PDB file of N, CA and C in Angstrom:
ATOM      1  N   MET A   1       0.709  -1.154   0.285  1.00  0.00           N
ATOM      2  CA  MET A   1       0.247   0.278   0.098  1.00  0.00           C
ATOM      3  C   MET A   1       0.972   1.189   0.248  1.00  0.00           C
ATOM      4  N   MET A   2       0.792   2.180  -0.707  1.00  0.00           N
ATOM      5  CA  MET A   2       1.463   3.318  -0.887  1.00  0.00           C
ATOM      6  C   MET A   2       0.850   4.795   0.195  1.00  0.00           C
ATOM      7  N   THR A   3      -0.757   4.537   0.208  1.00  0.00           N
ATOM      8  CA  THR A   3      -0.728   5.432   0.905  1.00  0.00           C
ATOM      9  C   THR A   3      -0.530   5.658   2.147  1.00  0.00           C
ATOM     10  N   ASN A   4      -0.243   7.399   2.510  1.00  0.00           N
ATOM     11  CA  ASN A   4       0.279   7.667   4.124  1.00  0.00           C
ATOM     12  C   ASN A   4       0.151   8.419   4.821  1.00  0.00           C
ATOM     13  N   SER A   5       0.332   9.339   5.722  1.00  0.00           N
ATOM     14  CA  SER A   5      -0.182   9.974   6.373  1.00  0.00           C
ATOM     15  C   SER A   5       0.105  11.471   5.664  1.00  0.00           C
ATOM     16  N   LEU A   6       1.344  11.301   5.149  1.00  0.00           N
ATOM     17  CA  LEU A   6       1.699  12.576   4.127  1.00  0.00           C
ATOM     18  C   LEU A   6       1.493  12.369   3.012  1.00  0.00           C
ATOM     19  N   ALA A   7       1.549  11.472   2.184  1.00  0.00           N
ATOM     20  CA  ALA A   7       0.837  12.003   0.540  1.00  0.00           C
ATOM     21  C   ALA A   7      -0.668  11.220   0.212  1.00  0.00           C
ATOM     22  N   MET A   8      -0.997  12.021   0.300  1.00  0.00           N
ATOM     23  CA  MET A   8      -2.714  11.277  -0.211  1.00  0.00           C
ATOM     24  C   MET A   8      -2.933  12.532  -1.691  1.00  0.00           C
ATOM     25  N   PRO A   9      -2.621  11.528  -3.008  1.00  0.00           N
ATOM     26  CA  PRO A   9      -3.023  12.726  -3.983  1.00  0.00           C
ATOM     27  C   PRO A   9      -4.293  13.002  -3.853  1.00  0.00           C
ATOM     28  N   LEU A  10      -5.370  12.532  -3.480  1.00  0.00           N
ATOM     29  CA  LEU A  10      -6.738  12.844  -3.337  1.00  0.00           C
ATOM     30  C   LEU A  10      -6.820  14.126  -2.753  1.00  0.00           C
ATOM     31  N   VAL A  11      -6.029  14.041  -1.909  1.00  0.00           N
ATOM     32  CA  VAL A  11      -6.362  15.125  -0.541  1.00  0.00           C
ATOM     33  C   VAL A  11      -5.507  16.726  -1.547  1.00  0.00           C
ATOM     34  N   ASP A  12      -4.869  16.367  -2.773  1.00  0.00           N
ATOM     35  CA  ASP A  12      -4.028  17.147  -3.064  1.00  0.00           C
ATOM     36  C   ASP A  12      -5.217  17.764  -4.275  1.00  0.00           C
ATOM     37  N   ARG A  13      -5.946  16.635  -4.754  1.00  0.00           N
ATOM     38  CA  ARG A  13      -6.569  16.726  -6.036  1.00  0.00           C
ATOM     39  C   ARG A  13      -8.093  17.713  -5.515  1.00  0.00           C
ATOM     40  N   PHE A  14      -8.387  17.294  -3.809  1.00  0.00           N
ATOM     41  CA  PHE A  14      -9.709  17.745  -3.503  1.00  0.00           C
ATOM     42  C   PHE A  14      -9.871  18.120  -2.308  1.00  0.00           C
ATOM     43  N   PRO A  15      -8.801  18.906  -2.037  1.00  0.00           N
ATOM     44  CA  PRO A  15      -8.391  19.485  -0.781  1.00  0.00           C
ATOM     45  C   PRO A  15      -9.845  20.339   0.471  1.00  0.00           C
ATOM     46  N   HIS A  16     -10.451  20.406  -0.523  1.00  0.00           N
ATOM     47  CA  HIS A  16     -11.926  20.839   0.455  1.00  0.00           C
ATOM     48  C   HIS A  16     -12.841  19.972   1.262  1.00  0.00           C
ATOM     49  N   LEU A  17     -11.902  18.425   0.924  1.00  0.00           N
ATOM     50  CA  LEU A  17     -12.507  17.656   0.789  1.00  0.00           C
ATOM     51  C   LEU A  17     -11.700  16.556   1.572  1.00  0.00           C
ATOM     52  N   HIS A  18     -10.639  17.421   2.499  1.00  0.00           N
ATOM     53  CA  HIS A  18      -9.638  16.603   3.054  1.00  0.00           C
ATOM     54  C   HIS A  18      -9.692  15.648   4.561  1.00  0.00           C
ATOM     55  N   ARG A  19     -10.664  16.020   5.211  1.00  0.00           N
ATOM     56  CA  ARG A  19     -11.184  15.365   6.806  1.00  0.00           C
ATOM     57  C   ARG A  19     -11.933  14.173   5.897  1.00  0.00           C
ATOM     58  N   GLU A  20     -12.689  14.102   5.035  1.00  0.00           N
ATOM     59  CA  GLU A  20     -13.929  13.102   4.740  1.00  0.00           C
ATOM     60  C   GLU A  20     -12.589  12.157   3.832  1.00  0.00           C
ATOM     61  N   ILE A  21     -11.723  12.482   3.316  1.00  0.00           N
ATOM     62  CA  ILE A  21     -10.869  11.391   2.506  1.00  0.00           C
ATOM     63  C   ILE A  21      -9.887  11.012   3.757  1.00  0.00           C
ATOM     64  N   ARG A  22      -9.399  11.523   4.782  1.00  0.00           N
ATOM     65  CA  ARG A  22      -8.760  11.248   5.496  1.00  0.00           C
ATOM     66  C   ARG A  22      -9.508  10.191   5.977  1.00  0.00           C
ATOM     67  N   SER A  23     -10.390  10.543   6.780  1.00  0.00           N
ATOM     68  CA  SER A  23     -11.021   9.475   7.543  1.00  0.00           C
ATOM     69  C   SER A  23     -11.569   8.370   7.172  1.00  0.00           C
ATOM     70  N   LEU A  24     -11.941   8.393   5.694  1.00  0.00           N
ATOM     71  CA  LEU A  24     -12.886   6.990   5.087  1.00  0.00           C
ATOM     72  C   LEU A  24     -11.573   6.634   4.378  1.00  0.00           C
ATOM     73  N   SER A  25     -10.556   6.896   4.452  1.00  0.00           N
ATOM     74  CA  SER A  25      -9.170   5.715   4.059  1.00  0.00           C
ATOM     75  C   SER A  25      -8.540   5.528   5.507  1.00  0.00           C
ATOM     76  N   GLU A  26      -9.245   5.692   7.301  1.00  0.00           N
ATOM     77  CA  GLU A  26      -8.681   4.940   7.808  1.00  0.00           C
ATOM     78  C   GLU A  26      -9.656   3.805   7.945  1.00  0.00           C
ATOM     79  N   MET A  27     -10.612   4.045   7.660  1.00  0.00           N
ATOM     80  CA  MET A  27     -12.078   2.736   8.078  1.00  0.00           C
ATOM     81  C   MET A  27     -12.256   2.323   7.067  1.00  0.00           C
ATOM     82  N   ASP A  28     -11.683   2.518   5.176  1.00  0.00           N
ATOM     83  CA  ASP A  28     -11.954   1.920   4.491  1.00  0.00           C
ATOM     84  C   ASP A  28     -10.933   1.041   3.889  1.00  0.00           C
ATOM     85  N   SER A  29     -10.294  -0.124   3.822  1.00  0.00           N
ATOM     86  CA  SER A  29      -9.096  -0.585   2.673  1.00  0.00           C
ATOM     87  C   SER A  29     -10.056  -0.296   1.402  1.00  0.00           C
ATOM     88  N   ASP A  30     -10.936  -0.806   0.866  1.00  0.00           N
ATOM     89  CA  ASP A  30     -11.066  -0.497  -0.503  1.00  0.00           C
ATOM     90  C   ASP A  30     -11.239   0.907  -1.118  1.00  0.00           C
ATOM     91  N   PHE A  31     -11.239   2.124  -0.044  1.00  0.00           N
ATOM     92  CA  PHE A  31     -10.936   3.267  -0.642  1.00  0.00           C
ATOM     93  C   PHE A  31      -9.488   3.782  -0.687  1.00  0.00           C
ATOM     94  N   ARG A  32      -8.452   2.961   0.535  1.00  0.00           N
ATOM     95  CA  ARG A  32      -7.234   3.387   0.448  1.00  0.00           C
ATOM     96  C   ARG A  32      -6.834   2.796  -1.087  1.00  0.00           C
ATOM     97  N   GLN A  33      -7.776   1.592  -1.718  1.00  0.00           N
ATOM     98  CA  GLN A  33      -6.717   0.944  -2.576  1.00  0.00           C
ATOM     99  C   GLN A  33      -7.413   1.943  -3.973  1.00  0.00           C
ATOM    100  N   LEU A  34      -8.311   3.010  -3.320  1.00  0.00           N
ATOM    101  CA  LEU A  34      -8.679   4.092  -4.596  1.00  0.00           C
ATOM    102  C   LEU A  34      -7.525   5.155  -3.839  1.00  0.00           C
ATOM    103  N   ASN A  35      -6.786   5.487  -3.847  1.00  0.00           N
ATOM    104  CA  ASN A  35      -6.058   6.362  -3.291  1.00  0.00           C
ATOM    105  C   ASN A  35      -5.050   5.874  -3.885  1.00  0.00           C
ATOM    106  N   ASP A  36      -4.434   4.313  -3.803  1.00  0.00           N
ATOM    107  CA  ASP A  36      -3.197   3.965  -4.192  1.00  0.00           C
ATOM    108  C   ASP A  36      -3.537   3.855  -5.919  1.00  0.00           C
ATOM    109  N   ASP A  37      -4.661   3.737  -6.730  1.00  0.00           N
ATOM    110  CA  ASP A  37      -4.570   3.647  -7.940  1.00  0.00           C
ATOM    111  C   ASP A  37      -4.920   4.379  -8.361  1.00  0.00           C
ATOM    112  N   TYR A  38      -4.932   5.847  -7.697  1.00  0.00           N
ATOM    113  CA  TYR A  38      -4.869   7.259  -8.209  1.00  0.00           C
ATOM    114  C   TYR A  38      -3.364   7.379  -8.195  1.00  0.00           C
ATOM    115  N   GLU A  39      -2.881   7.481  -7.031  1.00  0.00           N
ATOM    116  CA  GLU A  39      -1.459   7.570  -7.050  1.00  0.00           C
ATOM    117  C   GLU A  39      -0.818   6.860  -8.489  1.00  0.00           C
ATOM    118  N   LEU A  40      -0.913   5.341  -8.643  1.00  0.00           N
ATOM    119  CA  LEU A  40      -0.348   5.425  -9.636  1.00  0.00           C
ATOM    120  C   LEU A  40      -0.454   5.886 -10.835  1.00  0.00           C
ATOM    121  N   LEU A  41      -1.905   6.180 -11.063  1.00  0.00           N
ATOM    122  CA  LEU A  41      -2.302   6.402 -12.123  1.00  0.00           C
ATOM    123  C   LEU A  41      -1.283   8.107 -12.507  1.00  0.00           C
ATOM    124  N   LEU A  42      -1.698   8.935 -11.464  1.00  0.00           N
ATOM    125  CA  LEU A  42      -0.983   9.957 -11.481  1.00  0.00           C
ATOM    126  C   LEU A  42       0.865  10.177 -11.824  1.00  0.00           C
ATOM    127  N   ARG A  43       0.748   8.789 -11.756  1.00  0.00           N
ATOM    128  CA  ARG A  43       2.528   8.758 -12.367  1.00  0.00           C
ATOM    129  C   ARG A  43       2.957   8.094 -13.359  1.00  0.00           C
ATOM    130  N   SER A  44       1.599   7.086 -13.383  1.00  0.00           N
ATOM    131  CA  SER A  44       1.643   6.656 -14.860  1.00  0.00           C
ATOM    132  C   SER A  44       1.476   8.187 -16.069  1.00  0.00           C
ATOM    133  N   LEU A  45       0.795   9.234 -15.828  1.00  0.00           N
ATOM    134  CA  LEU A  45       0.604  10.458 -16.253  1.00  0.00           C
ATOM    135  C   LEU A  45       1.328  10.751 -17.005  1.00  0.00           C
ATOM    136  N   ALA A  46       2.468  11.155 -15.647  1.00  0.00           N
ATOM    137  CA  ALA A  46       3.788  11.868 -15.460  1.00  0.00           C
ATOM    138  C   ALA A  46       4.898  11.300 -16.644  1.00  0.00           C
ATOM    139  N   ASP A  47       4.914  10.023 -16.306  1.00  0.00           N
ATOM    140  CA  ASP A  47       6.062   9.603 -17.537  1.00  0.00           C
ATOM    141  C   ASP A  47       5.889  10.189 -18.844  1.00  0.00           C
ATOM    142  N   SER A  48       7.044  11.092 -19.227  1.00  0.00           N
ATOM    143  CA  SER A  48       7.270  11.318 -20.063  1.00  0.00           C
ATOM    144  C   SER A  48       7.047  10.382 -21.616  1.00  0.00           C
ATOM    145  N   SER A  49       7.204   9.226 -21.456  1.00  0.00           N
ATOM    146  CA  SER A  49       7.767   7.870 -22.433  1.00  0.00           C
ATOM    147  C   SER A  49       5.996   8.193 -23.321  1.00  0.00           C
ATOM    148  N   LEU A  50       4.813   8.352 -22.294  1.00  0.00           N
ATOM    149  CA  LEU A  50       3.613   8.157 -22.581  1.00  0.00           C
ATOM    150  C   LEU A  50       3.296   9.224 -24.010  1.00  0.00           C
ATOM    151  N   GLY A  51       3.936  10.150 -24.042  1.00  0.00           N
ATOM    152  CA  GLY A  51       3.787  11.178 -25.163  1.00  0.00           C
ATOM    153  C   GLY A  51       2.623  11.456 -24.648  1.00  0.00           C
ATOM    154  N   THR A  52       1.984  12.028 -26.365  1.00  0.00           N
ATOM    155  CA  THR A  52       0.507  12.097 -26.118  1.00  0.00           C
ATOM    156  C   THR A  52      -0.752  11.164 -27.087  1.00  0.00           C
ATOM    157  N   GLY A  53      -0.429  10.118 -27.336  1.00  0.00           N
ATOM    158  CA  GLY A  53      -1.266   9.016 -27.663  1.00  0.00           C
ATOM    159  C   GLY A  53      -1.989   8.349 -27.304  1.00  0.00           C
ATOM    160  N   ARG A  54      -3.028   7.743 -27.764  1.00  0.00           N
ATOM    161  CA  ARG A  54      -3.962   6.826 -27.320  1.00  0.00           C
ATOM    162  C   ARG A  54      -3.781   6.361 -25.748  1.00  0.00           C
ATOM    163  N   ASP A  55      -2.426   5.961 -25.825  1.00  0.00           N
ATOM    164  CA  ASP A  55      -2.505   5.215 -24.287  1.00  0.00           C
ATOM    165  C   ASP A  55      -2.241   6.957 -23.242  1.00  0.00           C
ATOM    166  N   ARG A  56      -2.135   7.177 -23.309  1.00  0.00           N
ATOM    167  CA  ARG A  56      -2.404   9.218 -22.498  1.00  0.00           C
ATOM    168  C   ARG A  56      -3.389   9.219 -22.675  1.00  0.00           C
ATOM    169  N   GLU A  57      -4.576   9.049 -23.675  1.00  0.00           N
ATOM    170  CA  GLU A  57      -6.103   9.471 -23.728  1.00  0.00           C
ATOM    171  C   GLU A  57      -6.800   9.065 -23.122  1.00  0.00           C
ATOM    172  N   GLU A  58      -6.369   7.505 -22.807  1.00  0.00           N
ATOM    173  CA  GLU A  58      -6.496   6.228 -21.899  1.00  0.00           C
ATOM    174  C   GLU A  58      -6.919   6.545 -20.203  1.00  0.00           C
ATOM    175  N   LEU A  59      -5.802   6.963 -20.306  1.00  0.00           N
ATOM    176  CA  LEU A  59      -5.065   6.871 -18.699  1.00  0.00           C
ATOM    177  C   LEU A  59      -5.910   8.715 -18.260  1.00  0.00           C
ATOM    178  N   VAL A  60      -5.937   9.535 -19.278  1.00  0.00           N
ATOM    179  CA  VAL A  60      -6.557  10.486 -19.210  1.00  0.00           C
ATOM    180  C   VAL A  60      -8.453  10.404 -18.605  1.00  0.00           C
ATOM    181  N   SER A  61      -8.780   9.703 -19.480  1.00  0.00           N
ATOM    182  CA  SER A  61     -10.364   9.149 -19.098  1.00  0.00           C
ATOM    183  C   SER A  61     -10.570   8.512 -18.179  1.00  0.00           C
ATOM    184  N   LEU A  62      -9.334   7.028 -17.844  1.00  0.00           N
ATOM    185  CA  LEU A  62      -8.947   6.418 -16.171  1.00  0.00           C
ATOM    186  C   LEU A  62      -9.349   7.255 -15.093  1.00  0.00           C
ATOM    187  N   LYS A  63      -8.295   8.398 -15.180  1.00  0.00           N
ATOM    188  CA  LYS A  63      -8.360   9.345 -13.858  1.00  0.00           C
ATOM    189  C   LYS A  63      -9.637   9.797 -13.636  1.00  0.00           C
ATOM    190  N   THR A  64     -10.387  10.358 -14.856  1.00  0.00           N
ATOM    191  CA  THR A  64     -11.326  11.033 -14.768  1.00  0.00           C
ATOM    192  C   THR A  64     -12.725  10.049 -14.078  1.00  0.00           C
ATOM    193  N   ALA A  65     -12.792   9.422 -14.120  1.00  0.00           N
ATOM    194  CA  ALA A  65     -13.475   8.145 -14.051  1.00  0.00           C
ATOM    195  C   ALA A  65     -13.257   8.120 -12.390  1.00  0.00           C
ATOM    196  N   LEU A  66     -12.266   7.958 -12.510  1.00  0.00           N
ATOM    197  CA  LEU A  66     -11.343   7.074 -10.356  1.00  0.00           C
ATOM    198  C   LEU A  66     -12.206   8.854  -9.740  1.00  0.00           C
ATOM    199  N   GLU A  67     -11.717   9.495 -10.132  1.00  0.00           N
ATOM    200  CA  GLU A  67     -12.397  10.590  -9.440  1.00  0.00           C
ATOM    201  C   GLU A  67     -13.911  10.521  -9.027  1.00  0.00           C
ATOM    202  N   ALA A  68     -14.809  10.459 -10.303  1.00  0.00           N
ATOM    203  CA  ALA A  68     -15.784  10.309 -10.126  1.00  0.00           C
ATOM    204  C   ALA A  68     -16.503   9.476  -8.959  1.00  0.00           C
ATOM    205  N   GLU A  69     -15.671   8.065  -9.362  1.00  0.00           N
ATOM    206  CA  GLU A  69     -15.743   6.685  -8.225  1.00  0.00           C
ATOM    207  C   GLU A  69     -15.844   7.418  -6.932  1.00  0.00           C
ATOM    208  N   VAL A  70     -14.744   8.413  -6.414  1.00  0.00           N
ATOM    209  CA  VAL A  70     -13.824   8.980  -5.292  1.00  0.00           C
ATOM    210  C   VAL A  70     -15.546   9.620  -5.009  1.00  0.00           C
ATOM    211  N   LEU A  71     -15.341  10.852  -5.427  1.00  0.00           N
ATOM    212  CA  LEU A  71     -16.553  11.843  -5.282  1.00  0.00           C
ATOM    213  C   LEU A  71     -17.848  10.782  -4.757  1.00  0.00           C
ATOM    214  N   GLU A  72     -18.267   9.795  -5.727  1.00  0.00           N
ATOM    215  CA  GLU A  72     -19.548   9.511  -5.028  1.00  0.00           C
ATOM    216  C   GLU A  72     -19.583   8.978  -4.138  1.00  0.00           C
ATOM    217  N   ARG A  73     -18.220   7.815  -3.696  1.00  0.00           N
ATOM    218  CA  ARG A  73     -18.040   7.023  -2.073  1.00  0.00           C
ATOM    219  C   ARG A  73     -17.897   7.951  -0.884  1.00  0.00           C
ATOM    220  N   LEU A  74     -17.702   9.371  -1.468  1.00  0.00           N
ATOM    221  CA  LEU A  74     -16.802  10.433  -0.625  1.00  0.00           C
ATOM    222  C   LEU A  74     -19.089  10.895  -0.267  1.00  0.00           C
ATOM    223  N   SER A  75     -19.605  11.613  -1.299  1.00  0.00           N
ATOM    224  CA  SER A  75     -20.623  11.744  -0.969  1.00  0.00           C
ATOM    225  C   SER A  75     -21.897  10.772  -0.299  1.00  0.00           C
ATOM    226  N   ARG A  76     -21.747   9.647  -1.146  1.00  0.00           N
ATOM    227  CA  ARG A  76     -22.584   8.410   0.030  1.00  0.00           C
ATOM    228  C   ARG A  76     -22.198   8.716   1.344  1.00  0.00           C
ATOM    229  N   THR A  77     -20.831   8.576   2.003  1.00  0.00           N
ATOM    230  CA  THR A  77     -20.440   8.325   3.217  1.00  0.00           C
ATOM    231  C   THR A  77     -20.698   9.575   3.854  1.00  0.00           C
ATOM    232  N   ILE A  78     -21.027  10.897   3.368  1.00  0.00           N
ATOM    233  CA  ILE A  78     -20.938  12.322   4.135  1.00  0.00           C
ATOM    234  C   ILE A  78     -22.574  12.061   4.161  1.00  0.00           C
ATOM    235  N   VAL A  79     -23.046  11.567   3.387  1.00  0.00           N
ATOM    236  CA  VAL A  79     -24.972  11.109   3.497  1.00  0.00           C
ATOM    237  C   VAL A  79     -25.289  10.668   4.463  1.00  0.00           C
ATOM    238  N   ARG A  80     -24.239   9.299   4.631  1.00  0.00           N
ATOM    239  CA  ARG A  80     -25.004   8.703   5.625  1.00  0.00           C
ATOM    240  C   ARG A  80     -24.388   9.526   7.096  1.00  0.00           C
ATOM    241  N   ARG A  81     -23.485   9.946   7.212  1.00  0.00           N
ATOM    242  CA  ARG A  81     -23.269  10.024   8.540  1.00  0.00           C
ATOM    243  C   ARG A  81     -24.004  11.341   8.991  1.00  0.00           C
ATOM    244  N   LYS A  82     -24.742  12.065   8.044  1.00  0.00           N
ATOM    245  CA  LYS A  82     -25.378  13.487   8.452  1.00  0.00           C
ATOM    246  C   LYS A  82     -26.701  12.822   8.870  1.00  0.00           C
ATOM    247  N   SER A  83     -27.095  11.496   8.034  1.00  0.00           N
ATOM    248  CA  SER A  83     -28.452  11.194   8.267  1.00  0.00           C
ATOM    249  C   SER A  83     -28.383  10.514   9.719  1.00  0.00           C
ATOM    250  N   HIS A  84     -27.387  10.281  10.278  1.00  0.00           N
ATOM    251  CA  HIS A  84     -26.925   9.672  11.453  1.00  0.00           C
ATOM    252  C   HIS A  84     -26.929  10.948  12.978  1.00  0.00           C
ATOM    253  N   ASP A  85     -26.403  11.515  12.506  1.00  0.00           N
ATOM    254  CA  ASP A  85     -26.438  12.734  13.180  1.00  0.00           C
ATOM    255  C   ASP A  85     -27.599  13.268  13.691  1.00  0.00           C
TER     256      ASP A  85
END
């Protein structure tokens, strides 16, 4: 697992949701895996050997889909918490 308390690319991407991201990461191993996958994806996108071809387009599309999945999971978690308050 790559995620640690210092490096969380999802927090960098969505700083306004940092508390929720950290909290969910502590409680949910699947969510931690999403963060790890996101980090790997960002590293792949930063790799200059990819150029601008189809592979890069697919990675950008995957990044967008992963961000949407993260936001959906965070949203469900936030709604659940609010309904329990």
